[in-house]
Amino acid sequence: MGKQYNKVIKRRRRAAYVAKKKAAIKELVGKSGKATKSKVAKPKAVRKPAAKKEKVVEAKPDPVAEKAKPVDVLGPDDAVEAESATKEKAADKPQQESAGTVES
């Protein structure tokens, strides 16, 4: 308990010291006779209320139709043949390209 009480005493001493110091400074300033300039209060900047922005409503684009499937266009029998033909063409292209690069 003694340490905490010492802290209280220190705070009181410090507060008294600061008060004496301030009083001494005020006396010196008062005796000096110098007139201090008073600060001119600048007018506070007044902000204009912000204009309310209107929300721009963008028209949503019409939904785009889904891609047509081969079954829809050609029919069920022809669609199977068309799919197999495209797969064969895709398989042939990499072989042709690799063959061309080997020859050079």
PDB file of N, CA and C in Angstrom:
ATOM      1  N   MET A   1       0.823  -1.183   0.000  1.00  0.00           N
ATOM      2  CA  MET A   1       0.000   0.000   0.000  1.00  0.00           C
ATOM      3  C   MET A   1       0.871   1.252   0.000  1.00  0.00           C
ATOM      4  N   GLY A   2       2.072   1.142   0.538  1.00  0.00           N
ATOM      5  CA  GLY A   2       2.958   2.299   0.650  1.00  0.00           C
ATOM      6  C   GLY A   2       3.369   2.849  -0.698  1.00  0.00           C
ATOM      7  N   LYS A   3       3.630   1.967  -1.680  1.00  0.00           N
ATOM      8  CA  LYS A   3       4.072   2.429  -2.998  1.00  0.00           C
ATOM      9  C   LYS A   3       2.968   3.222  -3.690  1.00  0.00           C
ATOM     10  N   GLN A   4       1.751   2.743  -3.588  1.00  0.00           N
ATOM     11  CA  GLN A   4       0.658   3.456  -4.243  1.00  0.00           C
ATOM     12  C   GLN A   4       0.423   4.818  -3.595  1.00  0.00           C
ATOM     13  N   TYR A   5       0.565   4.892  -2.302  1.00  0.00           N
ATOM     14  CA  TYR A   5       0.381   6.178  -1.625  1.00  0.00           C
ATOM     15  C   TYR A   5       1.485   7.143  -2.036  1.00  0.00           C
ATOM     16  N   ASN A   6       2.686   6.622  -2.242  1.00  0.00           N
ATOM     17  CA  ASN A   6       3.787   7.467  -2.709  1.00  0.00           C
ATOM     18  C   ASN A   6       3.464   8.045  -4.090  1.00  0.00           C
ATOM     19  N   LYS A   7       2.815   7.249  -4.921  1.00  0.00           N
ATOM     20  CA  LYS A   7       2.423   7.738  -6.247  1.00  0.00           C
ATOM     21  C   LYS A   7       1.433   8.894  -6.122  1.00  0.00           C
ATOM     22  N   VAL A   8       0.509   8.786  -5.183  1.00  0.00           N
ATOM     23  CA  VAL A   8      -0.477   9.844  -4.978  1.00  0.00           C
ATOM     24  C   VAL A   8       0.232  11.132  -4.548  1.00  0.00           C
ATOM     25  N   ILE A   9       1.176  10.989  -3.647  1.00  0.00           N
ATOM     26  CA  ILE A   9       1.928  12.158  -3.168  1.00  0.00           C
ATOM     27  C   ILE A   9       2.713  12.788  -4.320  1.00  0.00           C
ATOM     28  N   LYS A  10       3.346  11.967  -5.121  1.00  0.00           N
ATOM     29  CA  LYS A  10       4.116  12.486  -6.266  1.00  0.00           C
ATOM     30  C   LYS A  10       3.216  13.263  -7.217  1.00  0.00           C
ATOM     31  N   ARG A  11       2.029  12.722  -7.478  1.00  0.00           N
ATOM     32  CA  ARG A  11       1.097  13.419  -8.381  1.00  0.00           C
ATOM     33  C   ARG A  11       0.712  14.780  -7.815  1.00  0.00           C
ATOM     34  N   ARG A  12       0.433  14.845  -6.527  1.00  0.00           N
ATOM     35  CA  ARG A  12       0.065  16.115  -5.900  1.00  0.00           C
ATOM     36  C   ARG A  12       1.204  17.116  -5.968  1.00  0.00           C
ATOM     37  N   ARG A  13       2.424  16.649  -5.696  1.00  0.00           N
ATOM     38  CA  ARG A  13       3.587  17.537  -5.768  1.00  0.00           C
ATOM     39  C   ARG A  13       3.773  18.065  -7.182  1.00  0.00           C
ATOM     40  N   ARG A  14       3.645  17.179  -8.154  1.00  0.00           N
ATOM     41  CA  ARG A  14       3.824  17.570  -9.559  1.00  0.00           C
ATOM     42  C   ARG A  14       2.758  18.592  -9.968  1.00  0.00           C
ATOM     43  N   ALA A  15       1.510  18.361  -9.591  1.00  0.00           N
ATOM     44  CA  ALA A  15       0.431  19.290  -9.926  1.00  0.00           C
ATOM     45  C   ALA A  15       0.679  20.652  -9.292  1.00  0.00           C
ATOM     46  N   ALA A  16       1.151  20.672  -8.033  1.00  0.00           N
ATOM     47  CA  ALA A  16       1.446  21.938  -7.360  1.00  0.00           C
ATOM     48  C   ALA A  16       2.597  22.663  -8.048  1.00  0.00           C
ATOM     49  N   TYR A  17       3.634  21.905  -8.450  1.00  0.00           N
ATOM     50  CA  TYR A  17       4.791  22.493  -9.137  1.00  0.00           C
ATOM     51  C   TYR A  17       4.368  23.126 -10.459  1.00  0.00           C
ATOM     52  N   VAL A  18       3.560  22.413 -11.245  1.00  0.00           N
ATOM     53  CA  VAL A  18       3.109  22.924 -12.539  1.00  0.00           C
ATOM     54  C   VAL A  18       2.253  24.174 -12.340  1.00  0.00           C
ATOM     55  N   ALA A  19       1.399  24.179 -11.326  1.00  0.00           N
ATOM     56  CA  ALA A  19       0.555  25.350 -11.060  1.00  0.00           C
ATOM     57  C   ALA A  19       1.407  26.556 -10.694  1.00  0.00           C
ATOM     58  N   LYS A  20       2.444  26.365  -9.848  1.00  0.00           N
ATOM     59  CA  LYS A  20       3.338  27.465  -9.478  1.00  0.00           C
ATOM     60  C   LYS A  20       4.080  28.003 -10.698  1.00  0.00           C
ATOM     61  N   LYS A  21       4.512  27.095 -11.547  1.00  0.00           N
ATOM     62  CA  LYS A  21       5.265  27.487 -12.744  1.00  0.00           C
ATOM     63  C   LYS A  21       4.385  28.312 -13.681  1.00  0.00           C
ATOM     64  N   LYS A  22       3.141  27.908 -13.874  1.00  0.00           N
ATOM     65  CA  LYS A  22       2.216  28.653 -14.725  1.00  0.00           C
ATOM     66  C   LYS A  22       1.952  30.040 -14.154  1.00  0.00           C
ATOM     67  N   ALA A  23       1.772  30.116 -12.845  1.00  0.00           N
ATOM     68  CA  ALA A  23       1.520  31.410 -12.210  1.00  0.00           C
ATOM     69  C   ALA A  23       2.714  32.341 -12.387  1.00  0.00           C
ATOM     70  N   ALA A  24       3.931  31.815 -12.258  1.00  0.00           N
ATOM     71  CA  ALA A  24       5.138  32.626 -12.420  1.00  0.00           C
ATOM     72  C   ALA A  24       5.252  33.142 -13.853  1.00  0.00           C
ATOM     73  N   ILE A  25       4.924  32.311 -14.819  1.00  0.00           N
ATOM     74  CA  ILE A  25       4.992  32.724 -16.224  1.00  0.00           C
ATOM     75  C   ILE A  25       3.973  33.821 -16.500  1.00  0.00           C
ATOM     76  N   LYS A  26       2.773  33.701 -15.937  1.00  0.00           N
ATOM     77  CA  LYS A  26       1.746  34.725 -16.142  1.00  0.00           C
ATOM     78  C   LYS A  26       2.190  36.067 -15.558  1.00  0.00           C
ATOM     79  N   GLU A  27       2.843  36.029 -14.411  1.00  0.00           N
ATOM     80  CA  GLU A  27       3.325  37.274 -13.806  1.00  0.00           C
ATOM     81  C   GLU A  27       4.389  37.927 -14.675  1.00  0.00           C
ATOM     82  N   LEU A  28       5.293  37.131 -15.205  1.00  0.00           N
ATOM     83  CA  LEU A  28       6.358  37.678 -16.061  1.00  0.00           C
ATOM     84  C   LEU A  28       5.770  38.293 -17.324  1.00  0.00           C
ATOM     85  N   VAL A  29       4.800  37.638 -17.917  1.00  0.00           N
ATOM     86  CA  VAL A  29       4.181  38.153 -19.132  1.00  0.00           C
ATOM     87  C   VAL A  29       3.428  39.438 -18.816  1.00  0.00           C
ATOM     88  N   GLY A  30       2.750  39.487 -17.687  1.00  0.00           N
ATOM     89  CA  GLY A  30       1.999  40.681 -17.291  1.00  0.00           C
ATOM     90  C   GLY A  30       2.916  41.856 -16.991  1.00  0.00           C
ATOM     91  N   LYS A  31       4.075  41.637 -16.393  1.00  0.00           N
ATOM     92  CA  LYS A  31       5.015  42.689 -16.028  1.00  0.00           C
ATOM     93  C   LYS A  31       5.798  43.197 -17.233  1.00  0.00           C
ATOM     94  N   SER A  32       5.979  42.372 -18.251  1.00  0.00           N
ATOM     95  CA  SER A  32       6.817  42.754 -19.376  1.00  0.00           C
ATOM     96  C   SER A  32       6.245  43.950 -20.131  1.00  0.00           C
ATOM     97  N   GLY A  33       4.949  44.123 -20.115  1.00  0.00           N
ATOM     98  CA  GLY A  33       4.340  45.272 -20.757  1.00  0.00           C
ATOM     99  C   GLY A  33       4.172  45.122 -22.252  1.00  0.00           C
ATOM    100  N   LYS A  34       4.634  44.071 -22.807  1.00  0.00           N
ATOM    101  CA  LYS A  34       4.457  43.873 -24.239  1.00  0.00           C
ATOM    102  C   LYS A  34       2.995  43.549 -24.519  1.00  0.00           C
ATOM    103  N   ALA A  35       2.527  44.198 -25.526  1.00  0.00           N
ATOM    104  CA  ALA A  35       1.161  43.898 -25.933  1.00  0.00           C
ATOM    105  C   ALA A  35       1.220  42.746 -26.923  1.00  0.00           C
ATOM    106  N   THR A  36       0.502  41.724 -26.635  1.00  0.00           N
ATOM    107  CA  THR A  36       0.479  40.599 -27.554  1.00  0.00           C
ATOM    108  C   THR A  36      -0.638  40.808 -28.555  1.00  0.00           C
ATOM    109  N   LYS A  37      -0.358  40.387 -29.746  1.00  0.00           N
ATOM    110  CA  LYS A  37      -1.372  40.519 -30.784  1.00  0.00           C
ATOM    111  C   LYS A  37      -2.458  39.477 -30.558  1.00  0.00           C
ATOM    112  N   SER A  38      -3.655  39.957 -30.657  1.00  0.00           N
ATOM    113  CA  SER A  38      -4.736  38.996 -30.546  1.00  0.00           C
ATOM    114  C   SER A  38      -4.946  38.367 -31.913  1.00  0.00           C
ATOM    115  N   LYS A  39      -5.184  37.135 -31.880  1.00  0.00           N
ATOM    116  CA  LYS A  39      -5.381  36.429 -33.143  1.00  0.00           C
ATOM    117  C   LYS A  39      -6.749  36.762 -33.704  1.00  0.00           C
ATOM    118  N   VAL A  40      -6.745  37.046 -34.987  1.00  0.00           N
ATOM    119  CA  VAL A  40      -8.007  37.340 -35.652  1.00  0.00           C
ATOM    120  C   VAL A  40      -8.676  36.011 -35.975  1.00  0.00           C
ATOM    121  N   ALA A  41      -9.885  35.919 -35.577  1.00  0.00           N
ATOM    122  CA  ALA A  41     -10.619  34.690 -35.829  1.00  0.00           C
ATOM    123  C   ALA A  41     -10.969  34.615 -37.312  1.00  0.00           C
ATOM    124  N   LYS A  42     -10.501  33.566 -37.921  1.00  0.00           N
ATOM    125  CA  LYS A  42     -10.814  33.364 -39.338  1.00  0.00           C
ATOM    126  C   LYS A  42     -12.221  32.792 -39.449  1.00  0.00           C
ATOM    127  N   PRO A  43     -12.926  33.246 -40.446  1.00  0.00           N
ATOM    128  CA  PRO A  43     -14.268  32.679 -40.608  1.00  0.00           C
ATOM    129  C   PRO A  43     -14.163  31.199 -40.971  1.00  0.00           C
ATOM    130  N   LYS A  44     -15.023  30.446 -40.378  1.00  0.00           N
ATOM    131  CA  LYS A  44     -15.010  29.016 -40.649  1.00  0.00           C
ATOM    132  C   LYS A  44     -15.531  28.766 -42.049  1.00  0.00           C
ATOM    133  N   ALA A  45     -14.904  27.828 -42.709  1.00  0.00           N
ATOM    134  CA  ALA A  45     -15.335  27.465 -44.049  1.00  0.00           C
ATOM    135  C   ALA A  45     -16.676  26.753 -43.954  1.00  0.00           C
ATOM    136  N   VAL A  46     -17.627  27.271 -44.669  1.00  0.00           N
ATOM    137  CA  VAL A  46     -18.955  26.676 -44.649  1.00  0.00           C
ATOM    138  C   VAL A  46     -19.106  25.858 -45.915  1.00  0.00           C
ATOM    139  N   ARG A  47     -19.359  24.614 -45.723  1.00  0.00           N
ATOM    140  CA  ARG A  47     -19.536  23.737 -46.878  1.00  0.00           C
ATOM    141  C   ARG A  47     -20.979  23.796 -47.343  1.00  0.00           C
ATOM    142  N   LYS A  48     -21.108  23.855 -48.627  1.00  0.00           N
ATOM    143  CA  LYS A  48     -22.452  23.815 -49.190  1.00  0.00           C
ATOM    144  C   LYS A  48     -22.939  22.373 -49.128  1.00  0.00           C
ATOM    145  N   PRO A  49     -24.192  22.199 -48.878  1.00  0.00           N
ATOM    146  CA  PRO A  49     -24.680  20.821 -48.852  1.00  0.00           C
ATOM    147  C   PRO A  49     -24.510  20.185 -50.231  1.00  0.00           C
ATOM    148  N   ALA A  50     -24.022  18.984 -50.219  1.00  0.00           N
ATOM    149  CA  ALA A  50     -23.775  18.280 -51.463  1.00  0.00           C
ATOM    150  C   ALA A  50     -25.084  18.019 -52.191  1.00  0.00           C
ATOM    151  N   ALA A  51     -25.051  18.263 -53.481  1.00  0.00           N
ATOM    152  CA  ALA A  51     -26.240  18.012 -54.286  1.00  0.00           C
ATOM    153  C   ALA A  51     -26.467  16.503 -54.343  1.00  0.00           C
ATOM    154  N   LYS A  52     -27.683  16.128 -54.173  1.00  0.00           N
ATOM    155  CA  LYS A  52     -27.996  14.708 -54.202  1.00  0.00           C
ATOM    156  C   LYS A  52     -27.882  14.204 -55.628  1.00  0.00           C
ATOM    157  N   LYS A  53     -27.079  13.181 -55.774  1.00  0.00           N
ATOM    158  CA  LYS A  53     -26.896  12.609 -57.102  1.00  0.00           C
ATOM    159  C   LYS A  53     -28.058  11.667 -57.395  1.00  0.00           C
ATOM    160  N   GLU A  54     -28.563  11.819 -58.582  1.00  0.00           N
ATOM    161  CA  GLU A  54     -29.641  10.929 -58.992  1.00  0.00           C
ATOM    162  C   GLU A  54     -29.043   9.599 -59.416  1.00  0.00           C
ATOM    163  N   LYS A  55     -29.658   8.558 -59.000  1.00  0.00           N
ATOM    164  CA  LYS A  55     -29.163   7.246 -59.369  1.00  0.00           C
ATOM    165  C   LYS A  55     -29.500   6.983 -60.826  1.00  0.00           C
ATOM    166  N   VAL A  56     -28.497   6.614 -61.575  1.00  0.00           N
ATOM    167  CA  VAL A  56     -28.699   6.326 -62.984  1.00  0.00           C
ATOM    168  C   VAL A  56     -29.149   4.879 -63.103  1.00  0.00           C
ATOM    169  N   VAL A  57     -30.287   4.702 -63.675  1.00  0.00           N
ATOM    170  CA  VAL A  57     -30.818   3.359 -63.851  1.00  0.00           C
ATOM    171  C   VAL A  57     -30.459   2.910 -65.260  1.00  0.00           C
ATOM    172  N   GLU A  58     -29.605   1.908 -65.318  1.00  0.00           N
ATOM    173  CA  GLU A  58     -29.195   1.397 -66.619  1.00  0.00           C
ATOM    174  C   GLU A  58     -30.180   0.316 -67.061  1.00  0.00           C
ATOM    175  N   ALA A  59     -30.527   0.387 -68.322  1.00  0.00           N
ATOM    176  CA  ALA A  59     -31.431  -0.616 -68.865  1.00  0.00           C
ATOM    177  C   ALA A  59     -30.671  -1.933 -68.994  1.00  0.00           C
ATOM    178  N   LYS A  60     -31.248  -2.978 -68.467  1.00  0.00           N
ATOM    179  CA  LYS A  60     -30.589  -4.275 -68.553  1.00  0.00           C
ATOM    180  C   LYS A  60     -30.725  -4.799 -69.970  1.00  0.00           C
ATOM    181  N   PRO A  61     -29.648  -5.331 -70.529  1.00  0.00           N
ATOM    182  CA  PRO A  61     -29.740  -5.867 -71.888  1.00  0.00           C
ATOM    183  C   PRO A  61     -30.633  -7.103 -71.904  1.00  0.00           C
ATOM    184  N   ASP A  62     -31.264  -7.304 -73.040  1.00  0.00           N
ATOM    185  CA  ASP A  62     -32.118  -8.471 -73.186  1.00  0.00           C
ATOM    186  C   ASP A  62     -31.272  -9.731 -73.080  1.00  0.00           C
ATOM    187  N   PRO A  63     -31.775 -10.765 -72.453  1.00  0.00           N
ATOM    188  CA  PRO A  63     -30.982 -11.989 -72.328  1.00  0.00           C
ATOM    189  C   PRO A  63     -30.728 -12.605 -73.710  1.00  0.00           C
ATOM    190  N   VAL A  64     -29.511 -13.045 -73.877  1.00  0.00           N
ATOM    191  CA  VAL A  64     -29.109 -13.635 -75.148  1.00  0.00           C
ATOM    192  C   VAL A  64     -29.567 -15.087 -75.165  1.00  0.00           C
ATOM    193  N   ALA A  65     -30.014 -15.525 -76.317  1.00  0.00           N
ATOM    194  CA  ALA A  65     -30.496 -16.893 -76.450  1.00  0.00           C
ATOM    195  C   ALA A  65     -29.338 -17.869 -76.293  1.00  0.00           C
ATOM    196  N   GLU A  66     -29.629 -19.038 -75.803  1.00  0.00           N
ATOM    197  CA  GLU A  66     -28.602 -20.056 -75.637  1.00  0.00           C
ATOM    198  C   GLU A  66     -28.148 -20.550 -77.003  1.00  0.00           C
ATOM    199  N   LYS A  67     -26.945 -21.104 -77.032  1.00  0.00           N
ATOM    200  CA  LYS A  67     -26.424 -21.621 -78.294  1.00  0.00           C
ATOM    201  C   LYS A  67     -27.257 -22.827 -78.725  1.00  0.00           C
ATOM    202  N   ALA A  68     -27.453 -22.916 -80.016  1.00  0.00           N
ATOM    203  CA  ALA A  68     -28.238 -24.025 -80.545  1.00  0.00           C
ATOM    204  C   ALA A  68     -27.406 -25.299 -80.515  1.00  0.00           C
ATOM    205  N   LYS A  69     -28.037 -26.364 -80.155  1.00  0.00           N
ATOM    206  CA  LYS A  69     -27.366 -27.660 -80.120  1.00  0.00           C
ATOM    207  C   LYS A  69     -27.579 -28.346 -81.461  1.00  0.00           C
ATOM    208  N   PRO A  70     -26.660 -29.216 -81.833  1.00  0.00           N
ATOM    209  CA  PRO A  70     -26.812 -29.904 -83.128  1.00  0.00           C
ATOM    210  C   PRO A  70     -28.108 -30.714 -83.213  1.00  0.00           C
ATOM    211  N   VAL A  71     -28.573 -31.208 -82.089  1.00  0.00           N
ATOM    212  CA  VAL A  71     -29.798 -32.003 -82.090  1.00  0.00           C
ATOM    213  C   VAL A  71     -30.979 -31.120 -82.480  1.00  0.00           C
ATOM    214  N   ASP A  72     -30.975 -29.863 -82.023  1.00  0.00           N
ATOM    215  CA  ASP A  72     -32.068 -28.960 -82.331  1.00  0.00           C
ATOM    216  C   ASP A  72     -32.086 -28.587 -83.807  1.00  0.00           C
ATOM    217  N   VAL A  73     -30.917 -28.431 -84.403  1.00  0.00           N
ATOM    218  CA  VAL A  73     -30.831 -27.954 -85.786  1.00  0.00           C
ATOM    219  C   VAL A  73     -30.965 -29.104 -86.779  1.00  0.00           C
ATOM    220  N   LEU A  74     -30.179 -30.173 -86.586  1.00  0.00           N
ATOM    221  CA  LEU A  74     -30.108 -31.240 -87.575  1.00  0.00           C
ATOM    222  C   LEU A  74     -31.084 -32.384 -87.317  1.00  0.00           C
ATOM    223  N   GLY A  75     -31.477 -32.543 -86.105  1.00  0.00           N
ATOM    224  CA  GLY A  75     -32.328 -33.682 -85.770  1.00  0.00           C
ATOM    225  C   GLY A  75     -31.501 -34.704 -85.016  1.00  0.00           C
ATOM    226  N   PRO A  76     -32.150 -35.703 -84.418  1.00  0.00           N
ATOM    227  CA  PRO A  76     -31.411 -36.648 -83.569  1.00  0.00           C
ATOM    228  C   PRO A  76     -30.438 -37.544 -84.325  1.00  0.00           C
ATOM    229  N   ASP A  77     -30.747 -37.981 -85.547  1.00  0.00           N
ATOM    230  CA  ASP A  77     -29.861 -38.901 -86.268  1.00  0.00           C
ATOM    231  C   ASP A  77     -28.654 -38.159 -86.834  1.00  0.00           C
ATOM    232  N   ASP A  78     -28.880 -37.029 -87.454  1.00  0.00           N
ATOM    233  CA  ASP A  78     -27.789 -36.278 -88.085  1.00  0.00           C
ATOM    234  C   ASP A  78     -26.862 -35.664 -87.042  1.00  0.00           C
ATOM    235  N   ALA A  79     -27.348 -35.388 -85.850  1.00  0.00           N
ATOM    236  CA  ALA A  79     -26.542 -34.735 -84.809  1.00  0.00           C
ATOM    237  C   ALA A  79     -25.410 -35.646 -84.364  1.00  0.00           C
ATOM    238  N   VAL A  80     -25.666 -36.933 -84.279  1.00  0.00           N
ATOM    239  CA  VAL A  80     -24.631 -37.880 -83.854  1.00  0.00           C
ATOM    240  C   VAL A  80     -23.521 -37.917 -84.892  1.00  0.00           C
ATOM    241  N   GLU A  81     -23.880 -37.904 -86.159  1.00  0.00           N
ATOM    242  CA  GLU A  81     -22.880 -37.927 -87.230  1.00  0.00           C
ATOM    243  C   GLU A  81     -22.062 -36.636 -87.240  1.00  0.00           C
ATOM    244  N   ALA A  82     -22.722 -35.493 -87.019  1.00  0.00           N
ATOM    245  CA  ALA A  82     -22.031 -34.206 -87.020  1.00  0.00           C
ATOM    246  C   ALA A  82     -21.033 -34.111 -85.864  1.00  0.00           C
ATOM    247  N   GLU A  83     -21.401 -34.622 -84.705  1.00  0.00           N
ATOM    248  CA  GLU A  83     -20.498 -34.581 -83.552  1.00  0.00           C
ATOM    249  C   GLU A  83     -19.280 -35.455 -83.798  1.00  0.00           C
ATOM    250  N   SER A  84     -19.473 -36.607 -84.351  1.00  0.00           N
ATOM    251  CA  SER A  84     -18.341 -37.508 -84.606  1.00  0.00           C
ATOM    252  C   SER A  84     -17.430 -36.920 -85.680  1.00  0.00           C
ATOM    253  N   ALA A  85     -17.998 -36.216 -86.650  1.00  0.00           N
ATOM    254  CA  ALA A  85     -17.185 -35.608 -87.705  1.00  0.00           C
ATOM    255  C   ALA A  85     -16.320 -34.480 -87.132  1.00  0.00           C
ATOM    256  N   THR A  86     -16.855 -33.697 -86.254  1.00  0.00           N
ATOM    257  CA  THR A  86     -16.076 -32.604 -85.663  1.00  0.00           C
ATOM    258  C   THR A  86     -14.976 -33.153 -84.773  1.00  0.00           C
ATOM    259  N   LYS A  87     -15.227 -34.238 -84.090  1.00  0.00           N
ATOM    260  CA  LYS A  87     -14.194 -34.846 -83.237  1.00  0.00           C
ATOM    261  C   LYS A  87     -13.057 -35.396 -84.097  1.00  0.00           C
ATOM    262  N   GLU A  88     -13.392 -35.985 -85.235  1.00  0.00           N
ATOM    263  CA  GLU A  88     -12.357 -36.528 -86.122  1.00  0.00           C
ATOM    264  C   GLU A  88     -11.503 -35.405 -86.704  1.00  0.00           C
ATOM    265  N   LYS A  89     -12.129 -34.296 -87.081  1.00  0.00           N
ATOM    266  CA  LYS A  89     -11.386 -33.161 -87.631  1.00  0.00           C
ATOM    267  C   LYS A  89     -10.446 -32.581 -86.578  1.00  0.00           C
ATOM    268  N   ALA A  90     -10.917 -32.490 -85.344  1.00  0.00           N
ATOM    269  CA  ALA A  90     -10.096 -31.950 -84.263  1.00  0.00           C
ATOM    270  C   ALA A  90      -8.919 -32.874 -83.989  1.00  0.00           C
ATOM    271  N   ALA A  91      -9.118 -34.162 -84.102  1.00  0.00           N
ATOM    272  CA  ALA A  91      -8.043 -35.123 -83.861  1.00  0.00           C
ATOM    273  C   ALA A  91      -7.025 -35.076 -84.995  1.00  0.00           C
ATOM    274  N   ASP A  92      -7.438 -34.814 -86.240  1.00  0.00           N
ATOM    275  CA  ASP A  92      -6.537 -34.785 -87.390  1.00  0.00           C
ATOM    276  C   ASP A  92      -5.659 -33.536 -87.391  1.00  0.00           C
ATOM    277  N   LYS A  93      -6.145 -32.432 -86.944  1.00  0.00           N
ATOM    278  CA  LYS A  93      -5.401 -31.165 -87.013  1.00  0.00           C
ATOM    279  C   LYS A  93      -4.091 -31.202 -86.225  1.00  0.00           C
ATOM    280  N   PRO A  94      -4.034 -31.666 -84.994  1.00  0.00           N
ATOM    281  CA  PRO A  94      -2.758 -31.665 -84.282  1.00  0.00           C
ATOM    282  C   PRO A  94      -1.722 -32.576 -84.959  1.00  0.00           C
ATOM    283  N   GLN A  95      -2.147 -33.656 -85.575  1.00  0.00           N
ATOM    284  CA  GLN A  95      -1.199 -34.534 -86.251  1.00  0.00           C
ATOM    285  C   GLN A  95      -0.615 -33.849 -87.469  1.00  0.00           C
ATOM    286  N   GLN A  96      -1.430 -33.113 -88.208  1.00  0.00           N
ATOM    287  CA  GLN A  96      -0.946 -32.423 -89.386  1.00  0.00           C
ATOM    288  C   GLN A  96       0.031 -31.310 -89.007  1.00  0.00           C
ATOM    289  N   GLU A  97      -0.281 -30.584 -87.971  1.00  0.00           N
ATOM    290  CA  GLU A  97       0.579 -29.498 -87.534  1.00  0.00           C
ATOM    291  C   GLU A  97       1.909 -30.026 -87.031  1.00  0.00           C
ATOM    292  N   SER A  98       1.885 -31.117 -86.267  1.00  0.00           N
ATOM    293  CA  SER A  98       3.133 -31.665 -85.746  1.00  0.00           C
ATOM    294  C   SER A  98       3.971 -32.238 -86.887  1.00  0.00           C
ATOM    295  N   ALA A  99       3.322 -32.779 -87.894  1.00  0.00           N
ATOM    296  CA  ALA A  99       4.049 -33.323 -89.040  1.00  0.00           C
ATOM    297  C   ALA A  99       4.715 -32.189 -89.806  1.00  0.00           C
ATOM    298  N   GLY A 100       4.084 -31.051 -89.919  1.00  0.00           N
ATOM    299  CA  GLY A 100       4.642 -29.916 -90.629  1.00  0.00           C
ATOM    300  C   GLY A 100       5.845 -29.340 -89.903  1.00  0.00           C
ATOM    301  N   THR A 101       5.853 -29.356 -88.597  1.00  0.00           N
ATOM    302  CA  THR A 101       6.957 -28.794 -87.833  1.00  0.00           C
ATOM    303  C   THR A 101       8.153 -29.729 -87.838  1.00  0.00           C
ATOM    304  N   VAL A 102       7.952 -31.021 -87.972  1.00  0.00           N
ATOM    305  CA  VAL A 102       9.044 -31.987 -87.989  1.00  0.00           C
ATOM    306  C   VAL A 102       9.819 -31.874 -89.301  1.00  0.00           C
ATOM    307  N   GLU A 103       9.126 -31.633 -90.403  1.00  0.00           N
ATOM    308  CA  GLU A 103       9.759 -31.567 -91.709  1.00  0.00           C
ATOM    309  C   GLU A 103      10.685 -30.361 -91.836  1.00  0.00           C
ATOM    310  N   SER A 104      10.383 -29.244 -91.191  1.00  0.00           N
ATOM    311  CA  SER A 104      11.187 -28.043 -91.384  1.00  0.00           C
ATOM    312  C   SER A 104      12.509 -28.085 -90.719  1.00  0.00           C
TER     313      SER A 104
END
